[in-house]
């Protein structure tokens, strides 16, 4: 598994402006997916006794905002993350209590790298919403606490199955993040997982 975690990734002032943009966004749309695992949809091309099979139900539940994709602070943050490269796609998400998603891989998008940058101002281990990045054979797992201004980046040449545990009912904040993907041929200048 190729996971890099970098705390305090953005300049503090920019991270604050992005967090404020998330907190003021009003166009959140809930996306919910309940259905069978399909390799072509969720990149489930890995196998192992500790990983779900195609006979299991896939589940994802979260909110997305199109408004935030053009918010000046978010655009500036994505440009800084890319350091001269270009994101093939980036999105802004939030998770409320009960929301999360099961194991999948984003390798189906045909890209090399993905990043997640967190903007919730505080998070506690038992609030759920933890990112779990799993080895392809399912034998090991790294867990990421979604801390403010923390960047988690994954190299998808190694598939990187992952999931986010459901956010707990007692979580005192929403789990908020920006996520970006780079297609093959794109560069992330100065960044190597």
N, C-alpha and C. Protein backbone atom coordinates (compact mmCIF):
# COMPACT_ATOMS: atom_id res chain seq x y z
N UNK A 1 0.85 -1.16 0.00
CA UNK A 1 0.00 0.00 0.00
C UNK A 1 0.90 1.22 0.00
N UNK A 2 0.51 2.20 -0.75
CA UNK A 2 1.31 3.41 -0.86
C UNK A 2 0.47 4.60 -0.40
N UNK A 3 0.60 4.92 0.88
CA UNK A 3 -0.16 6.01 1.49
C UNK A 3 0.83 6.99 2.11
N UNK A 4 0.64 8.27 1.81
CA UNK A 4 1.43 9.33 2.42
C UNK A 4 0.48 10.24 3.17
N UNK A 5 0.82 10.58 4.41
CA UNK A 5 0.01 11.48 5.22
C UNK A 5 0.88 12.67 5.60
N UNK A 6 0.38 13.88 5.30
CA UNK A 6 1.13 15.11 5.59
C UNK A 6 0.25 16.08 6.37
N UNK A 7 0.56 16.29 7.67
CA UNK A 7 -0.21 17.26 8.46
C UNK A 7 0.13 18.70 8.06
N UNK A 8 -0.75 19.63 8.40
CA UNK A 8 -0.53 21.05 8.13
C UNK A 8 -0.06 21.30 6.71
N UNK A 9 -0.77 20.70 5.76
CA UNK A 9 -0.32 20.72 4.37
C UNK A 9 -0.43 22.10 3.73
N UNK A 10 -1.55 22.77 3.88
CA UNK A 10 -1.75 24.10 3.30
C UNK A 10 -1.28 25.17 4.27
N UNK A 11 -0.94 26.36 3.77
CA UNK A 11 -0.71 27.47 4.70
C UNK A 11 -1.95 27.65 5.57
N UNK A 12 -1.75 27.96 6.84
CA UNK A 12 -2.85 28.02 7.81
C UNK A 12 -3.97 28.96 7.37
N UNK A 13 -3.63 30.10 6.82
CA UNK A 13 -4.65 31.07 6.41
C UNK A 13 -5.52 30.52 5.29
N UNK A 14 -4.92 29.81 4.34
CA UNK A 14 -5.68 29.22 3.24
C UNK A 14 -6.57 28.08 3.76
N UNK A 15 -6.03 27.25 4.63
CA UNK A 15 -6.84 26.16 5.20
C UNK A 15 -8.06 26.73 5.93
N UNK A 16 -7.89 27.81 6.64
CA UNK A 16 -9.02 28.46 7.33
C UNK A 16 -10.06 28.96 6.33
N UNK A 17 -9.61 29.57 5.23
CA UNK A 17 -10.56 30.08 4.23
C UNK A 17 -11.33 28.94 3.57
N UNK A 18 -10.66 27.81 3.32
CA UNK A 18 -11.35 26.66 2.72
C UNK A 18 -12.38 26.10 3.71
N UNK A 19 -11.98 25.96 4.97
CA UNK A 19 -12.90 25.44 5.99
C UNK A 19 -14.13 26.35 6.11
N UNK A 20 -13.93 27.65 6.08
CA UNK A 20 -15.04 28.60 6.15
C UNK A 20 -15.96 28.45 4.94
N UNK A 21 -15.37 28.24 3.75
CA UNK A 21 -16.19 28.03 2.55
C UNK A 21 -17.05 26.77 2.71
N UNK A 22 -16.48 25.69 3.24
CA UNK A 22 -17.25 24.46 3.49
C UNK A 22 -18.39 24.74 4.46
N UNK A 23 -18.09 25.46 5.53
CA UNK A 23 -19.09 25.72 6.56
C UNK A 23 -20.24 26.58 6.05
N UNK A 24 -20.00 27.39 5.03
CA UNK A 24 -21.05 28.27 4.50
C UNK A 24 -21.72 27.73 3.23
N UNK A 25 -21.26 26.62 2.70
CA UNK A 25 -21.87 26.05 1.50
C UNK A 25 -23.31 25.63 1.79
N UNK A 26 -24.19 25.85 0.81
CA UNK A 26 -25.61 25.56 1.01
C UNK A 26 -26.18 24.56 0.01
N UNK A 27 -25.41 24.14 -0.97
CA UNK A 27 -25.96 23.29 -2.03
C UNK A 27 -25.62 21.81 -1.88
N UNK A 28 -25.55 21.31 -0.67
CA UNK A 28 -25.18 19.92 -0.44
C UNK A 28 -26.25 18.96 -1.00
N UNK A 29 -25.78 17.97 -1.74
CA UNK A 29 -26.65 16.93 -2.30
C UNK A 29 -26.21 15.59 -1.74
N UNK A 30 -27.17 14.84 -1.21
CA UNK A 30 -26.85 13.53 -0.65
C UNK A 30 -26.74 12.50 -1.76
N UNK A 31 -25.65 11.72 -1.71
CA UNK A 31 -25.45 10.61 -2.65
C UNK A 31 -25.44 9.32 -1.85
N UNK A 32 -26.30 8.40 -2.22
CA UNK A 32 -26.39 7.12 -1.52
C UNK A 32 -26.38 6.01 -2.55
N UNK A 33 -25.55 5.02 -2.31
CA UNK A 33 -25.43 3.88 -3.22
C UNK A 33 -25.53 2.60 -2.41
N UNK A 34 -26.59 1.84 -2.63
CA UNK A 34 -26.74 0.51 -2.06
C UNK A 34 -26.87 -0.44 -3.23
N UNK A 35 -26.00 -1.40 -3.32
CA UNK A 35 -26.11 -2.34 -4.42
C UNK A 35 -24.98 -3.34 -4.41
N UNK A 36 -24.98 -4.22 -5.40
CA UNK A 36 -23.96 -5.25 -5.50
C UNK A 36 -22.61 -4.63 -5.83
N UNK A 37 -21.56 -5.27 -5.35
CA UNK A 37 -20.21 -4.88 -5.76
C UNK A 37 -20.06 -5.21 -7.24
N UNK A 38 -19.52 -4.28 -8.00
CA UNK A 38 -19.21 -4.51 -9.41
C UNK A 38 -17.79 -4.05 -9.64
N UNK A 39 -16.95 -4.93 -10.16
CA UNK A 39 -15.55 -4.59 -10.37
C UNK A 39 -15.39 -3.35 -11.23
N UNK A 40 -16.21 -3.21 -12.25
CA UNK A 40 -16.06 -2.07 -13.15
C UNK A 40 -16.50 -0.77 -12.49
N UNK A 41 -17.29 -0.84 -11.43
CA UNK A 41 -17.79 0.37 -10.78
C UNK A 41 -16.91 0.82 -9.62
N UNK A 42 -16.50 -0.10 -8.78
CA UNK A 42 -15.75 0.28 -7.60
C UNK A 42 -14.33 -0.29 -7.58
N UNK A 43 -13.86 -0.80 -8.71
CA UNK A 43 -12.48 -1.25 -8.78
C UNK A 43 -12.18 -2.43 -7.88
N UNK A 44 -13.15 -3.29 -7.66
CA UNK A 44 -12.94 -4.43 -6.78
C UNK A 44 -12.22 -5.56 -7.51
N UNK A 45 -11.00 -5.30 -7.92
CA UNK A 45 -10.22 -6.29 -8.63
C UNK A 45 -9.22 -6.95 -7.69
N UNK A 46 -9.40 -6.78 -6.39
CA UNK A 46 -8.54 -7.40 -5.41
C UNK A 46 -9.30 -8.55 -4.77
N UNK A 47 -8.58 -9.46 -4.17
CA UNK A 47 -9.23 -10.61 -3.55
C UNK A 47 -8.45 -11.01 -2.31
N UNK A 48 -9.13 -11.54 -1.36
CA UNK A 48 -8.51 -12.02 -0.14
C UNK A 48 -9.59 -12.40 0.84
N UNK A 49 -9.30 -13.29 1.78
CA UNK A 49 -10.32 -13.75 2.71
C UNK A 49 -10.84 -12.66 3.64
N UNK A 50 -10.13 -11.55 3.79
CA UNK A 50 -10.56 -10.47 4.67
C UNK A 50 -11.17 -9.30 3.90
N UNK A 51 -11.40 -9.49 2.60
CA UNK A 51 -11.98 -8.45 1.75
C UNK A 51 -13.34 -8.91 1.24
N UNK A 52 -14.29 -7.97 1.02
CA UNK A 52 -15.62 -8.38 0.56
C UNK A 52 -15.59 -8.99 -0.83
N UNK A 53 -16.53 -9.89 -1.07
CA UNK A 53 -16.65 -10.52 -2.37
C UNK A 53 -17.74 -9.87 -3.20
N UNK A 54 -17.85 -10.28 -4.44
CA UNK A 54 -18.85 -9.72 -5.35
C UNK A 54 -20.28 -10.10 -4.96
N UNK A 55 -20.42 -11.04 -4.04
CA UNK A 55 -21.76 -11.42 -3.59
C UNK A 55 -22.24 -10.56 -2.42
N UNK A 56 -21.44 -9.56 -2.02
CA UNK A 56 -21.82 -8.68 -0.91
C UNK A 56 -22.38 -7.37 -1.44
N UNK A 57 -23.09 -6.68 -0.57
CA UNK A 57 -23.70 -5.41 -0.94
C UNK A 57 -22.72 -4.26 -0.71
N UNK A 58 -22.55 -3.43 -1.73
CA UNK A 58 -21.75 -2.22 -1.60
C UNK A 58 -22.64 -1.12 -1.02
N UNK A 59 -22.04 -0.23 -0.24
CA UNK A 59 -22.78 0.88 0.36
C UNK A 59 -21.89 2.11 0.42
N UNK A 60 -22.43 3.24 0.03
CA UNK A 60 -21.76 4.53 0.18
C UNK A 60 -22.85 5.57 0.46
N UNK A 61 -22.58 6.46 1.38
CA UNK A 61 -23.56 7.48 1.75
C UNK A 61 -22.79 8.72 2.19
N UNK A 62 -22.96 9.82 1.46
CA UNK A 62 -22.25 11.06 1.77
C UNK A 62 -22.92 12.20 1.01
N UNK A 63 -22.46 13.43 1.24
CA UNK A 63 -22.98 14.62 0.56
C UNK A 63 -21.88 15.24 -0.30
N UNK A 64 -22.28 15.87 -1.40
CA UNK A 64 -21.33 16.57 -2.27
C UNK A 64 -21.85 17.97 -2.56
N UNK A 65 -20.93 18.87 -2.89
CA UNK A 65 -21.28 20.25 -3.20
C UNK A 65 -20.60 20.67 -4.50
N UNK A 66 -21.38 21.06 -5.49
CA UNK A 66 -20.83 21.59 -6.73
C UNK A 66 -20.40 23.05 -6.54
N UNK A 67 -21.09 23.77 -5.69
CA UNK A 67 -20.78 25.18 -5.41
C UNK A 67 -19.33 25.35 -4.95
N UNK A 68 -18.85 24.43 -4.11
CA UNK A 68 -17.52 24.55 -3.55
C UNK A 68 -16.42 24.35 -4.59
N UNK A 69 -16.70 23.63 -5.67
CA UNK A 69 -15.66 23.40 -6.70
C UNK A 69 -15.16 24.71 -7.30
N UNK A 70 -15.98 25.74 -7.26
CA UNK A 70 -15.57 27.02 -7.85
C UNK A 70 -15.32 28.09 -6.80
N UNK A 71 -15.42 27.74 -5.53
CA UNK A 71 -15.12 28.71 -4.46
C UNK A 71 -13.65 29.10 -4.57
N UNK A 72 -13.33 30.39 -4.55
CA UNK A 72 -11.95 30.83 -4.75
C UNK A 72 -10.93 30.15 -3.83
N UNK A 73 -11.24 29.96 -2.56
CA UNK A 73 -10.29 29.33 -1.64
C UNK A 73 -10.05 27.87 -2.02
N UNK A 74 -11.09 27.15 -2.44
CA UNK A 74 -10.94 25.75 -2.83
C UNK A 74 -10.10 25.64 -4.10
N UNK A 75 -10.37 26.48 -5.08
CA UNK A 75 -9.59 26.48 -6.33
C UNK A 75 -8.13 26.77 -6.03
N UNK A 76 -7.86 27.74 -5.17
CA UNK A 76 -6.48 28.08 -4.80
C UNK A 76 -5.80 26.89 -4.10
N UNK A 77 -6.52 26.22 -3.21
CA UNK A 77 -5.96 25.08 -2.49
C UNK A 77 -5.62 23.94 -3.45
N UNK A 78 -6.52 23.65 -4.39
CA UNK A 78 -6.26 22.56 -5.35
C UNK A 78 -5.05 22.91 -6.21
N UNK A 79 -4.93 24.16 -6.64
CA UNK A 79 -3.76 24.57 -7.43
C UNK A 79 -2.47 24.38 -6.64
N UNK A 80 -2.51 24.72 -5.36
CA UNK A 80 -1.33 24.56 -4.51
C UNK A 80 -0.98 23.08 -4.32
N UNK A 81 -1.99 22.27 -4.13
CA UNK A 81 -1.76 20.83 -3.98
C UNK A 81 -1.12 20.27 -5.24
N UNK A 82 -1.60 20.70 -6.39
CA UNK A 82 -1.11 20.17 -7.66
C UNK A 82 0.29 20.67 -8.01
N UNK A 83 0.70 21.80 -7.48
CA UNK A 83 2.04 22.34 -7.71
C UNK A 83 2.44 22.32 -9.18
N UNK A 84 1.57 22.81 -10.01
CA UNK A 84 1.90 22.89 -11.43
C UNK A 84 1.28 21.80 -12.27
N UNK A 85 0.84 20.70 -11.65
CA UNK A 85 0.15 19.65 -12.40
C UNK A 85 -1.31 20.03 -12.55
N UNK A 86 -2.14 19.10 -12.97
CA UNK A 86 -3.56 19.42 -13.06
C UNK A 86 -4.37 18.25 -12.55
N UNK A 87 -5.40 18.56 -11.81
CA UNK A 87 -6.30 17.53 -11.29
C UNK A 87 -7.26 17.14 -12.40
N UNK A 88 -7.45 15.86 -12.62
CA UNK A 88 -8.42 15.43 -13.61
C UNK A 88 -9.84 15.56 -13.05
N UNK A 89 -9.94 15.57 -11.73
CA UNK A 89 -11.23 15.73 -11.09
C UNK A 89 -10.98 16.06 -9.63
N UNK A 90 -11.78 16.95 -9.08
CA UNK A 90 -11.76 17.15 -7.64
C UNK A 90 -13.18 17.46 -7.19
N UNK A 91 -13.47 17.05 -5.96
CA UNK A 91 -14.82 17.18 -5.43
C UNK A 91 -14.76 17.56 -3.96
N UNK A 92 -15.86 18.10 -3.47
CA UNK A 92 -15.97 18.50 -2.07
C UNK A 92 -17.08 17.68 -1.42
N UNK A 93 -16.74 17.03 -0.31
CA UNK A 93 -17.66 16.12 0.34
C UNK A 93 -17.82 16.45 1.81
N UNK A 94 -18.97 16.02 2.36
CA UNK A 94 -19.15 16.02 3.81
C UNK A 94 -19.88 14.73 4.18
N UNK A 95 -19.64 14.29 5.41
CA UNK A 95 -20.33 13.12 5.95
C UNK A 95 -20.98 13.51 7.27
N UNK A 96 -22.23 13.11 7.38
CA UNK A 96 -23.00 13.33 8.60
C UNK A 96 -23.07 12.01 9.36
N UNK A 97 -23.57 12.03 10.60
CA UNK A 97 -23.70 10.78 11.35
C UNK A 97 -24.43 9.70 10.54
N UNK A 98 -23.88 8.49 10.58
CA UNK A 98 -24.44 7.35 9.86
C UNK A 98 -23.90 7.19 8.45
N UNK A 99 -23.17 8.18 7.95
CA UNK A 99 -22.66 8.12 6.57
C UNK A 99 -21.21 7.62 6.55
N UNK A 100 -20.84 6.99 5.45
CA UNK A 100 -19.50 6.44 5.24
C UNK A 100 -19.52 5.66 3.95
N UNK A 101 -18.53 4.77 3.74
CA UNK A 101 -18.60 3.86 2.59
C UNK A 101 -17.77 2.61 2.82
N UNK A 102 -18.20 1.54 2.17
CA UNK A 102 -17.54 0.23 2.28
C UNK A 102 -16.28 0.18 1.43
N UNK A 103 -15.57 -0.92 1.57
CA UNK A 103 -14.31 -1.11 0.84
C UNK A 103 -14.53 -1.02 -0.66
N UNK A 104 -13.67 -0.24 -1.28
CA UNK A 104 -13.63 -0.13 -2.73
C UNK A 104 -12.25 0.39 -3.13
N UNK A 105 -12.00 0.47 -4.41
CA UNK A 105 -10.78 1.07 -4.91
C UNK A 105 -11.16 2.06 -5.99
N UNK A 106 -10.51 3.20 -6.01
CA UNK A 106 -10.77 4.19 -7.04
C UNK A 106 -9.89 3.98 -8.26
N UNK A 107 -9.20 2.85 -8.34
CA UNK A 107 -8.29 2.60 -9.47
C UNK A 107 -9.04 2.51 -10.79
N UNK A 108 -10.36 2.30 -10.74
CA UNK A 108 -11.16 2.23 -11.96
C UNK A 108 -11.13 3.53 -12.76
N UNK A 109 -10.79 4.66 -12.11
CA UNK A 109 -10.81 5.93 -12.83
C UNK A 109 -9.61 6.07 -13.77
N UNK A 110 -8.69 5.09 -13.72
CA UNK A 110 -7.58 5.09 -14.65
C UNK A 110 -6.46 6.03 -14.26
N UNK A 111 -6.43 6.46 -13.02
CA UNK A 111 -5.45 7.44 -12.60
C UNK A 111 -4.31 6.85 -11.81
N UNK A 112 -3.40 7.72 -11.46
CA UNK A 112 -2.21 7.32 -10.73
C UNK A 112 -2.33 7.68 -9.25
N UNK A 113 -2.75 8.92 -8.96
CA UNK A 113 -2.78 9.39 -7.58
C UNK A 113 -4.16 9.93 -7.20
N UNK A 114 -4.42 9.91 -5.91
CA UNK A 114 -5.60 10.57 -5.36
C UNK A 114 -5.20 11.25 -4.06
N UNK A 115 -5.85 12.37 -3.77
CA UNK A 115 -5.60 13.02 -2.49
C UNK A 115 -6.92 13.26 -1.78
N UNK A 116 -6.85 13.31 -0.47
CA UNK A 116 -7.94 13.76 0.38
C UNK A 116 -7.34 14.78 1.33
N UNK A 117 -7.99 15.93 1.44
CA UNK A 117 -7.53 16.98 2.34
C UNK A 117 -8.70 17.35 3.25
N UNK A 118 -8.49 17.21 4.55
CA UNK A 118 -9.56 17.36 5.53
C UNK A 118 -9.65 18.79 6.07
N UNK A 119 -10.92 19.24 6.28
CA UNK A 119 -11.15 20.60 6.77
C UNK A 119 -12.07 20.67 7.98
N UNK A 120 -12.46 19.50 8.55
CA UNK A 120 -13.21 19.57 9.81
C UNK A 120 -12.22 20.08 10.86
N UNK A 121 -12.67 20.98 11.70
CA UNK A 121 -11.75 21.69 12.60
C UNK A 121 -11.26 20.82 13.77
N UNK A 122 -12.00 19.80 14.09
CA UNK A 122 -11.62 18.90 15.19
C UNK A 122 -12.17 17.52 14.87
N UNK A 123 -11.44 16.48 15.27
CA UNK A 123 -11.96 15.13 15.13
C UNK A 123 -11.40 14.25 16.23
N UNK A 124 -12.21 13.28 16.68
CA UNK A 124 -11.84 12.38 17.76
C UNK A 124 -11.96 10.95 17.25
N UNK A 125 -11.08 10.07 17.70
CA UNK A 125 -11.04 8.70 17.19
C UNK A 125 -12.40 8.01 17.21
N UNK A 126 -13.16 8.15 18.28
CA UNK A 126 -14.41 7.38 18.35
C UNK A 126 -15.60 8.08 17.68
N UNK A 127 -15.36 9.14 16.94
CA UNK A 127 -16.41 9.77 16.15
C UNK A 127 -16.63 9.03 14.83
N UNK A 128 -15.84 7.99 14.57
CA UNK A 128 -15.95 7.28 13.29
C UNK A 128 -15.39 8.15 12.17
N UNK A 129 -15.81 7.87 10.94
CA UNK A 129 -15.33 8.66 9.81
C UNK A 129 -13.85 8.49 9.54
N UNK A 130 -13.27 7.38 10.00
CA UNK A 130 -11.83 7.13 9.83
C UNK A 130 -11.57 6.50 8.47
N UNK A 131 -10.54 6.99 7.78
CA UNK A 131 -10.11 6.41 6.52
C UNK A 131 -9.25 5.19 6.83
N UNK A 132 -9.59 4.05 6.23
CA UNK A 132 -8.82 2.81 6.37
C UNK A 132 -8.28 2.45 4.99
N UNK A 133 -6.97 2.42 4.84
CA UNK A 133 -6.34 2.03 3.57
C UNK A 133 -5.73 0.65 3.79
N UNK A 134 -6.12 -0.30 2.94
CA UNK A 134 -5.85 -1.72 3.15
C UNK A 134 -4.88 -2.23 2.10
N UNK A 135 -4.02 -3.14 2.50
CA UNK A 135 -3.14 -3.79 1.53
C UNK A 135 -4.01 -4.62 0.57
N UNK A 136 -3.53 -4.85 -0.64
CA UNK A 136 -4.33 -5.56 -1.65
C UNK A 136 -4.75 -6.96 -1.21
N UNK A 137 -3.94 -7.60 -0.36
CA UNK A 137 -4.30 -8.95 0.10
C UNK A 137 -5.16 -8.91 1.35
N UNK A 138 -5.42 -7.71 1.86
CA UNK A 138 -6.27 -7.58 3.05
C UNK A 138 -5.57 -7.91 4.34
N UNK A 139 -4.26 -8.13 4.32
CA UNK A 139 -3.54 -8.57 5.51
C UNK A 139 -3.22 -7.43 6.48
N UNK A 140 -3.14 -6.20 5.98
CA UNK A 140 -2.81 -5.08 6.86
C UNK A 140 -3.61 -3.84 6.49
N UNK A 141 -3.66 -2.90 7.43
CA UNK A 141 -4.48 -1.70 7.25
C UNK A 141 -3.83 -0.53 7.97
N UNK A 142 -3.86 0.63 7.32
CA UNK A 142 -3.44 1.88 7.97
C UNK A 142 -4.68 2.74 8.15
N UNK A 143 -4.79 3.35 9.32
CA UNK A 143 -5.96 4.16 9.65
C UNK A 143 -5.55 5.63 9.76
N UNK A 144 -6.36 6.49 9.13
CA UNK A 144 -6.07 7.92 9.13
C UNK A 144 -7.20 8.65 9.87
N UNK A 145 -6.83 9.42 10.89
CA UNK A 145 -7.76 10.28 11.60
C UNK A 145 -7.93 11.55 10.76
N UNK A 146 -9.15 11.93 10.39
CA UNK A 146 -9.35 13.10 9.53
C UNK A 146 -9.14 14.42 10.27
N UNK A 147 -7.89 14.80 10.45
CA UNK A 147 -7.55 16.01 11.18
C UNK A 147 -7.52 17.22 10.26
N UNK A 148 -7.74 18.38 10.83
CA UNK A 148 -7.76 19.64 10.09
C UNK A 148 -6.46 19.83 9.30
N UNK A 149 -6.61 20.15 8.00
CA UNK A 149 -5.49 20.47 7.12
C UNK A 149 -4.51 19.31 6.95
N UNK A 150 -5.00 18.09 7.06
CA UNK A 150 -4.17 16.91 6.86
C UNK A 150 -4.41 16.37 5.46
N UNK A 151 -3.34 16.12 4.72
CA UNK A 151 -3.42 15.55 3.38
C UNK A 151 -3.10 14.06 3.46
N UNK A 152 -3.95 13.23 2.87
CA UNK A 152 -3.67 11.80 2.69
C UNK A 152 -3.66 11.55 1.20
N UNK A 153 -2.56 10.98 0.68
CA UNK A 153 -2.44 10.73 -0.75
C UNK A 153 -2.12 9.25 -0.98
N UNK A 154 -2.71 8.70 -2.03
CA UNK A 154 -2.57 7.28 -2.35
C UNK A 154 -2.11 7.12 -3.79
N UNK A 155 -1.20 6.19 -4.00
CA UNK A 155 -0.74 5.83 -5.34
C UNK A 155 -1.59 4.64 -5.79
N UNK A 156 -2.44 4.85 -6.81
CA UNK A 156 -3.36 3.80 -7.24
C UNK A 156 -2.75 2.77 -8.17
N UNK A 157 -1.46 2.87 -8.45
CA UNK A 157 -0.85 1.78 -9.20
C UNK A 157 -0.84 0.51 -8.36
N UNK A 158 -1.05 0.67 -7.06
CA UNK A 158 -1.13 -0.49 -6.17
C UNK A 158 -2.57 -0.73 -5.71
N UNK A 159 -3.55 -0.21 -6.43
CA UNK A 159 -4.99 -0.38 -6.23
C UNK A 159 -5.54 0.32 -4.99
N UNK A 160 -4.95 0.11 -3.82
CA UNK A 160 -5.31 0.78 -2.58
C UNK A 160 -6.79 0.66 -2.20
N UNK A 161 -7.27 -0.54 -1.88
CA UNK A 161 -8.63 -0.65 -1.36
C UNK A 161 -8.74 0.16 -0.06
N UNK A 162 -9.88 0.81 0.13
CA UNK A 162 -10.06 1.65 1.31
C UNK A 162 -11.54 1.77 1.64
N UNK A 163 -11.81 2.22 2.88
CA UNK A 163 -13.18 2.50 3.29
C UNK A 163 -13.15 3.57 4.36
N UNK A 164 -14.31 4.18 4.60
CA UNK A 164 -14.46 5.14 5.68
C UNK A 164 -15.54 4.60 6.61
N UNK A 165 -15.17 4.42 7.88
CA UNK A 165 -16.14 3.93 8.86
C UNK A 165 -17.26 4.96 9.03
N UNK A 166 -18.48 4.48 9.29
CA UNK A 166 -19.60 5.43 9.46
C UNK A 166 -19.32 6.45 10.56
N UNK A 167 -19.71 7.67 10.32
CA UNK A 167 -19.60 8.73 11.32
C UNK A 167 -20.58 8.42 12.45
N UNK A 168 -20.11 8.51 13.69
CA UNK A 168 -20.92 8.17 14.85
C UNK A 168 -21.98 9.23 15.14
N UNK A 169 -23.06 8.79 15.77
CA UNK A 169 -24.17 9.68 16.12
C UNK A 169 -23.71 10.79 17.07
N UNK A 170 -22.67 10.52 17.87
CA UNK A 170 -22.22 11.50 18.85
C UNK A 170 -21.12 12.42 18.32
N UNK A 171 -20.75 12.30 17.06
CA UNK A 171 -19.75 13.20 16.48
C UNK A 171 -20.26 14.64 16.59
N UNK A 172 -19.43 15.53 17.06
CA UNK A 172 -19.83 16.91 17.29
C UNK A 172 -19.65 17.80 16.07
N UNK A 173 -19.08 17.25 14.99
CA UNK A 173 -18.89 18.01 13.76
C UNK A 173 -19.19 17.12 12.57
N UNK A 174 -19.32 17.73 11.41
CA UNK A 174 -19.42 16.99 10.16
C UNK A 174 -18.00 16.69 9.68
N UNK A 175 -17.83 15.57 9.00
CA UNK A 175 -16.53 15.22 8.41
C UNK A 175 -16.50 15.87 7.03
N UNK A 176 -15.58 16.82 6.81
CA UNK A 176 -15.54 17.54 5.53
C UNK A 176 -14.17 17.40 4.88
N UNK A 177 -14.19 17.29 3.53
CA UNK A 177 -12.94 17.07 2.82
C UNK A 177 -13.04 17.46 1.36
N UNK A 178 -11.90 17.73 0.79
CA UNK A 178 -11.78 17.88 -0.66
C UNK A 178 -11.02 16.65 -1.14
N UNK A 179 -11.39 16.16 -2.30
CA UNK A 179 -10.76 14.95 -2.85
C UNK A 179 -10.44 15.21 -4.31
N UNK A 180 -9.26 14.80 -4.73
CA UNK A 180 -8.85 15.00 -6.11
C UNK A 180 -8.21 13.76 -6.69
N UNK A 181 -8.31 13.63 -8.01
CA UNK A 181 -7.76 12.48 -8.73
C UNK A 181 -6.88 12.97 -9.88
N UNK A 182 -5.81 12.25 -10.15
CA UNK A 182 -4.94 12.56 -11.28
C UNK A 182 -4.95 11.39 -12.24
N UNK A 183 -5.23 11.65 -13.50
CA UNK A 183 -5.21 10.60 -14.51
C UNK A 183 -3.79 10.31 -14.94
N UNK A 184 -3.59 9.14 -15.56
CA UNK A 184 -2.26 8.80 -16.07
C UNK A 184 -1.78 9.90 -16.98
N UNK A 185 -0.52 10.23 -16.89
CA UNK A 185 0.05 11.27 -17.73
C UNK A 185 0.05 12.62 -17.05
N UNK A 186 -0.81 12.82 -16.05
CA UNK A 186 -0.78 14.07 -15.30
C UNK A 186 0.37 14.01 -14.31
N UNK A 187 0.83 15.15 -13.86
CA UNK A 187 1.94 15.16 -12.92
C UNK A 187 1.52 15.82 -11.63
N UNK A 188 2.16 15.41 -10.56
CA UNK A 188 2.04 16.09 -9.29
C UNK A 188 3.44 16.57 -8.95
N UNK A 189 3.83 17.69 -9.50
CA UNK A 189 5.17 18.22 -9.36
C UNK A 189 5.54 18.34 -7.88
N UNK A 190 6.65 17.77 -7.51
CA UNK A 190 7.13 17.90 -6.14
C UNK A 190 6.44 17.01 -5.14
N UNK A 191 5.57 16.14 -5.57
CA UNK A 191 4.85 15.27 -4.63
C UNK A 191 5.01 13.83 -5.08
N UNK A 192 5.54 12.99 -4.21
CA UNK A 192 5.66 11.58 -4.53
C UNK A 192 5.20 10.77 -3.32
N UNK A 193 4.14 9.99 -3.48
CA UNK A 193 3.73 9.13 -2.35
C UNK A 193 4.80 8.09 -2.07
